[in-house]
């Protein structure tokens, strides 16, 4: 069996500099050397994974998204709050609790790509964030089997 893992995700940026600034500010992404692909492209390091931004005037879909795990959701939340980047429409709220004690924060980047930020542990949220949190079960009924589902959130 092959030991496979995702090494990068590539998404569009309508304004490359603006999108790079967003990911550097919100997620502390690090711009890294990038080959010339014949169009504006910037690679960013996010831990052991890369995010590749390419400049094209494309309209993202409503629910396609990338999920990024963070150790501490609060600084990401505060940076997104300053940028008014919360998405409250795609999944019913910008802060959602999943079965298994995982918190999801939904954002839109400058190109309107949907970005999901994940953190393990509702009790790790400050009170003001916890007050905004809604369980997935508040929007969609969950069976016992649904409630056993676990999002892989590596440490």
C-alpha atoms as a PDB file:
ATOM      1  CA  UNK A   1       0.000   0.000   0.000  1.00  0.00           C
ATOM      2  CA  UNK A   2       1.189   3.509  -0.801  1.00  0.00           C
ATOM      3  CA  UNK A   3       1.735   5.943   2.069  1.00  0.00           C
ATOM      4  CA  UNK A   4      -0.142   8.884   0.549  1.00  0.00           C
ATOM      5  CA  UNK A   5      -0.711  12.340   1.994  1.00  0.00           C
ATOM      6  CA  UNK A   6      -1.738  15.701   0.599  1.00  0.00           C
ATOM      7  CA  UNK A   7       1.343  17.855  -0.067  1.00  0.00           C
ATOM      8  CA  UNK A   8      -0.422  20.927  -1.452  1.00  0.00           C
ATOM      9  CA  UNK A   9      -3.731  22.484  -2.395  1.00  0.00           C
ATOM     10  CA  UNK A  10      -4.001  25.006  -5.223  1.00  0.00           C
ATOM     11  CA  UNK A  11      -6.680  27.708  -5.273  1.00  0.00           C
ATOM     12  CA  UNK A  12      -7.374  30.816  -7.282  1.00  0.00           C
ATOM     13  CA  UNK A  13      -6.623  34.365  -6.235  1.00  0.00           C
ATOM     14  CA  UNK A  14      -8.224  37.245  -8.101  1.00  0.00           C
ATOM     15  CA  UNK A  15      -5.519  39.558  -6.719  1.00  0.00           C
ATOM     16  CA  UNK A  16      -2.435  37.517  -5.847  1.00  0.00           C
ATOM     17  CA  UNK A  17      -0.861  40.079  -3.481  1.00  0.00           C
ATOM     18  CA  UNK A  18      -4.136  40.538  -1.593  1.00  0.00           C
ATOM     19  CA  UNK A  19      -4.610  36.775  -1.169  1.00  0.00           C
ATOM     20  CA  UNK A  20      -0.991  36.252  -0.096  1.00  0.00           C
ATOM     21  CA  UNK A  21      -1.441  39.006   2.506  1.00  0.00           C
ATOM     22  CA  UNK A  22      -4.631  37.310   3.783  1.00  0.00           C
ATOM     23  CA  UNK A  23      -2.989  33.909   4.340  1.00  0.00           C
ATOM     24  CA  UNK A  24       0.148  35.434   5.861  1.00  0.00           C
ATOM     25  CA  UNK A  25      -1.935  37.575   8.248  1.00  0.00           C
ATOM     26  CA  UNK A  26      -4.637  35.061   9.193  1.00  0.00           C
ATOM     27  CA  UNK A  27      -2.639  31.792   9.216  1.00  0.00           C
ATOM     28  CA  UNK A  28       0.993  32.951   9.463  1.00  0.00           C
ATOM     29  CA  UNK A  29       1.656  31.256   6.111  1.00  0.00           C
ATOM     30  CA  UNK A  30       5.194  31.689   4.821  1.00  0.00           C
ATOM     31  CA  UNK A  31       5.826  32.687   1.193  1.00  0.00           C
ATOM     32  CA  UNK A  32       8.397  30.291  -0.283  1.00  0.00           C
ATOM     33  CA  UNK A  33      10.293  30.193  -3.593  1.00  0.00           C
ATOM     34  CA  UNK A  34       7.922  29.511  -6.479  1.00  0.00           C
ATOM     35  CA  UNK A  35       8.668  28.370 -10.048  1.00  0.00           C
ATOM     36  CA  UNK A  36       7.467  30.402 -13.038  1.00  0.00           C
ATOM     37  CA  UNK A  37       4.286  28.815 -14.416  1.00  0.00           C
ATOM     38  CA  UNK A  38       3.620  31.568 -16.956  1.00  0.00           C
ATOM     39  CA  UNK A  39       0.941  33.178 -14.785  1.00  0.00           C
ATOM     40  CA  UNK A  40       1.103  34.859 -11.368  1.00  0.00           C
ATOM     41  CA  UNK A  41       1.622  32.118  -8.741  1.00  0.00           C
ATOM     42  CA  UNK A  42       2.842  32.121  -5.134  1.00  0.00           C
ATOM     43  CA  UNK A  43       3.506  29.077  -3.002  1.00  0.00           C
ATOM     44  CA  UNK A  44       2.952  29.343   0.745  1.00  0.00           C
ATOM     45  CA  UNK A  45       4.142  26.992   3.491  1.00  0.00           C
ATOM     46  CA  UNK A  46       1.588  25.910   6.089  1.00  0.00           C
ATOM     47  CA  UNK A  47       3.535  23.539   8.288  1.00  0.00           C
ATOM     48  CA  UNK A  48       4.371  20.466   6.194  1.00  0.00           C
ATOM     49  CA  UNK A  49       1.733  21.316   3.581  1.00  0.00           C
ATOM     50  CA  UNK A  50       1.799  23.972   0.906  1.00  0.00           C
ATOM     51  CA  UNK A  51      -0.936  26.275  -0.336  1.00  0.00           C
ATOM     52  CA  UNK A  52      -0.471  27.330  -3.968  1.00  0.00           C
ATOM     53  CA  UNK A  53      -2.215  30.521  -5.038  1.00  0.00           C
ATOM     54  CA  UNK A  54      -2.641  31.309  -8.727  1.00  0.00           C
ATOM     55  CA  UNK A  55      -4.112  34.513 -10.095  1.00  0.00           C
ATOM     56  CA  UNK A  56      -7.163  33.913 -12.267  1.00  0.00           C
ATOM     57  CA  UNK A  57     -10.572  35.555 -12.417  1.00  0.00           C
ATOM     58  CA  UNK A  58     -12.560  32.478 -11.401  1.00  0.00           C
ATOM     59  CA  UNK A  59     -15.722  32.227  -9.318  1.00  0.00           C
ATOM     60  CA  UNK A  60     -15.398  29.647  -6.513  1.00  0.00           C
ATOM     61  CA  UNK A  61     -18.316  27.372  -5.736  1.00  0.00           C
ATOM     62  CA  UNK A  62     -20.353  27.702  -2.563  1.00  0.00           C
ATOM     63  CA  UNK A  63     -19.195  24.622  -0.623  1.00  0.00           C
ATOM     64  CA  UNK A  64     -15.861  23.496  -2.083  1.00  0.00           C
ATOM     65  CA  UNK A  65     -13.293  24.320   0.563  1.00  0.00           C
ATOM     66  CA  UNK A  66      -9.961  23.495   2.106  1.00  0.00           C
ATOM     67  CA  UNK A  67      -9.615  22.510   5.758  1.00  0.00           C
ATOM     68  CA  UNK A  68      -6.658  23.638   7.845  1.00  0.00           C
ATOM     69  CA  UNK A  69      -5.938  22.469  11.396  1.00  0.00           C
ATOM     70  CA  UNK A  70      -4.515  24.977  13.869  1.00  0.00           C
ATOM     71  CA  UNK A  71      -3.281  24.577  17.433  1.00  0.00           C
ATOM     72  CA  UNK A  72      -5.096  27.708  18.614  1.00  0.00           C
ATOM     73  CA  UNK A  73      -8.161  28.994  16.786  1.00  0.00           C
ATOM     74  CA  UNK A  74      -8.441  32.287  18.678  1.00  0.00           C
ATOM     75  CA  UNK A  75      -5.663  34.257  16.878  1.00  0.00           C
ATOM     76  CA  UNK A  76      -7.043  33.090  13.519  1.00  0.00           C
ATOM     77  CA  UNK A  77     -10.529  34.165  14.604  1.00  0.00           C
ATOM     78  CA  UNK A  78      -9.285  37.625  15.681  1.00  0.00           C
ATOM     79  CA  UNK A  79      -7.395  38.186  12.402  1.00  0.00           C
ATOM     80  CA  UNK A  80     -10.429  37.062  10.381  1.00  0.00           C
ATOM     81  CA  UNK A  81     -12.663  39.301  12.492  1.00  0.00           C
ATOM     82  CA  UNK A  82     -10.494  42.334  11.642  1.00  0.00           C
ATOM     83  CA  UNK A  83     -10.912  41.445   7.970  1.00  0.00           C
ATOM     84  CA  UNK A  84     -14.658  40.733   8.202  1.00  0.00           C
ATOM     85  CA  UNK A  85     -13.891  37.341   6.626  1.00  0.00           C
ATOM     86  CA  UNK A  86     -16.463  35.115   8.383  1.00  0.00           C
ATOM     87  CA  UNK A  87     -18.765  32.928   6.302  1.00  0.00           C
ATOM     88  CA  UNK A  88     -22.085  32.312   8.064  1.00  0.00           C
ATOM     89  CA  UNK A  89     -23.963  30.950   5.046  1.00  0.00           C
ATOM     90  CA  UNK A  90     -22.290  27.794   3.672  1.00  0.00           C
ATOM     91  CA  UNK A  91     -22.773  25.628   6.765  1.00  0.00           C
ATOM     92  CA  UNK A  92     -25.226  27.717   8.791  1.00  0.00           C
ATOM     93  CA  UNK A  93     -22.782  29.576  11.074  1.00  0.00           C
ATOM     94  CA  UNK A  94     -19.168  30.699  11.069  1.00  0.00           C
ATOM     95  CA  UNK A  95     -18.373  28.622  14.205  1.00  0.00           C
ATOM     96  CA  UNK A  96     -19.610  25.026  14.168  1.00  0.00           C
ATOM     97  CA  UNK A  97     -19.030  22.162  16.601  1.00  0.00           C
ATOM     98  CA  UNK A  98     -18.679  18.702  15.078  1.00  0.00           C
ATOM     99  CA  UNK A  99     -19.176  15.373  16.817  1.00  0.00           C
ATOM    100  CA  UNK A 100     -15.948  14.464  18.579  1.00  0.00           C
ATOM    101  CA  UNK A 101     -15.313  17.888  20.135  1.00  0.00           C
ATOM    102  CA  UNK A 102     -13.928  19.642  17.047  1.00  0.00           C
ATOM    103  CA  UNK A 103     -14.543  23.320  16.303  1.00  0.00           C
ATOM    104  CA  UNK A 104     -14.742  24.599  12.737  1.00  0.00           C
ATOM    105  CA  UNK A 105     -14.380  28.261  11.761  1.00  0.00           C
ATOM    106  CA  UNK A 106     -15.546  29.142   8.241  1.00  0.00           C
ATOM    107  CA  UNK A 107     -13.920  32.040   6.377  1.00  0.00           C
ATOM    108  CA  UNK A 108     -13.894  33.525   2.890  1.00  0.00           C
ATOM    109  CA  UNK A 109     -10.561  34.661   1.492  1.00  0.00           C
ATOM    110  CA  UNK A 110     -10.287  37.738  -0.793  1.00  0.00           C
ATOM    111  CA  UNK A 111     -11.115  35.604  -3.878  1.00  0.00           C
ATOM    112  CA  UNK A 112     -14.161  34.259  -1.988  1.00  0.00           C
ATOM    113  CA  UNK A 113     -12.711  30.743  -1.551  1.00  0.00           C
ATOM    114  CA  UNK A 114     -14.249  28.967   1.436  1.00  0.00           C
ATOM    115  CA  UNK A 115     -11.650  28.105   4.098  1.00  0.00           C
ATOM    116  CA  UNK A 116     -12.376  25.852   7.090  1.00  0.00           C
ATOM    117  CA  UNK A 117     -10.162  26.234  10.156  1.00  0.00           C
ATOM    118  CA  UNK A 118     -10.284  23.311  12.608  1.00  0.00           C
ATOM    119  CA  UNK A 119      -9.310  23.048  16.274  1.00  0.00           C
ATOM    120  CA  UNK A 120      -9.692  20.177  18.689  1.00  0.00           C
ATOM    121  CA  UNK A 121     -11.532  21.062  21.914  1.00  0.00           C
ATOM    122  CA  UNK A 122     -14.552  23.325  22.413  1.00  0.00           C
ATOM    123  CA  UNK A 123     -13.440  24.003  26.000  1.00  0.00           C
ATOM    124  CA  UNK A 124     -10.250  25.636  24.664  1.00  0.00           C
ATOM    125  CA  UNK A 125     -12.255  28.492  23.120  1.00  0.00           C
ATOM    126  CA  UNK A 126     -12.576  31.775  25.007  1.00  0.00           C
ATOM    127  CA  UNK A 127     -16.075  32.481  26.328  1.00  0.00           C
ATOM    128  CA  UNK A 128     -16.938  35.065  23.644  1.00  0.00           C
ATOM    129  CA  UNK A 129     -16.197  32.558  20.853  1.00  0.00           C
ATOM    130  CA  UNK A 130     -17.935  29.686  22.638  1.00  0.00           C
ATOM    131  CA  UNK A 131     -21.064  31.863  22.884  1.00  0.00           C
ATOM    132  CA  UNK A 132     -21.180  32.052  19.050  1.00  0.00           C
ATOM    133  CA  UNK A 133     -20.669  28.309  18.541  1.00  0.00           C
ATOM    134  CA  UNK A 134     -23.493  26.160  17.173  1.00  0.00           C
ATOM    135  CA  UNK A 135     -23.505  22.389  16.938  1.00  0.00           C
ATOM    136  CA  UNK A 136     -23.901  20.759  13.543  1.00  0.00           C
ATOM    137  CA  UNK A 137     -26.931  19.031  15.100  1.00  0.00           C
ATOM    138  CA  UNK A 138     -28.552  22.461  15.482  1.00  0.00           C
ATOM    139  CA  UNK A 139     -28.851  22.598  11.667  1.00  0.00           C
ATOM    140  CA  UNK A 140     -29.093  18.946  10.649  1.00  0.00           C
ATOM    141  CA  UNK A 141     -30.467  15.955  12.572  1.00  0.00           C
ATOM    142  CA  UNK A 142     -27.746  13.448  13.497  1.00  0.00           C
ATOM    143  CA  UNK A 143     -28.165   9.688  13.946  1.00  0.00           C
ATOM    144  CA  UNK A 144     -26.081   7.746  16.470  1.00  0.00           C
ATOM    145  CA  UNK A 145     -23.830   6.717  13.588  1.00  0.00           C
ATOM    146  CA  UNK A 146     -23.457  10.359  12.474  1.00  0.00           C
ATOM    147  CA  UNK A 147     -22.449  11.281  16.023  1.00  0.00           C
ATOM    148  CA  UNK A 148     -19.624   8.696  15.929  1.00  0.00           C
ATOM    149  CA  UNK A 149     -17.997  10.474  12.952  1.00  0.00           C
ATOM    150  CA  UNK A 150     -14.591  12.025  13.653  1.00  0.00           C
ATOM    151  CA  UNK A 151     -12.696  14.613  11.637  1.00  0.00           C
ATOM    152  CA  UNK A 152      -9.009  13.794  11.567  1.00  0.00           C
ATOM    153  CA  UNK A 153      -7.357  16.714  13.355  1.00  0.00           C
ATOM    154  CA  UNK A 154      -3.684  15.774  13.778  1.00  0.00           C
ATOM    155  CA  UNK A 155      -1.682  17.301  16.592  1.00  0.00           C
END
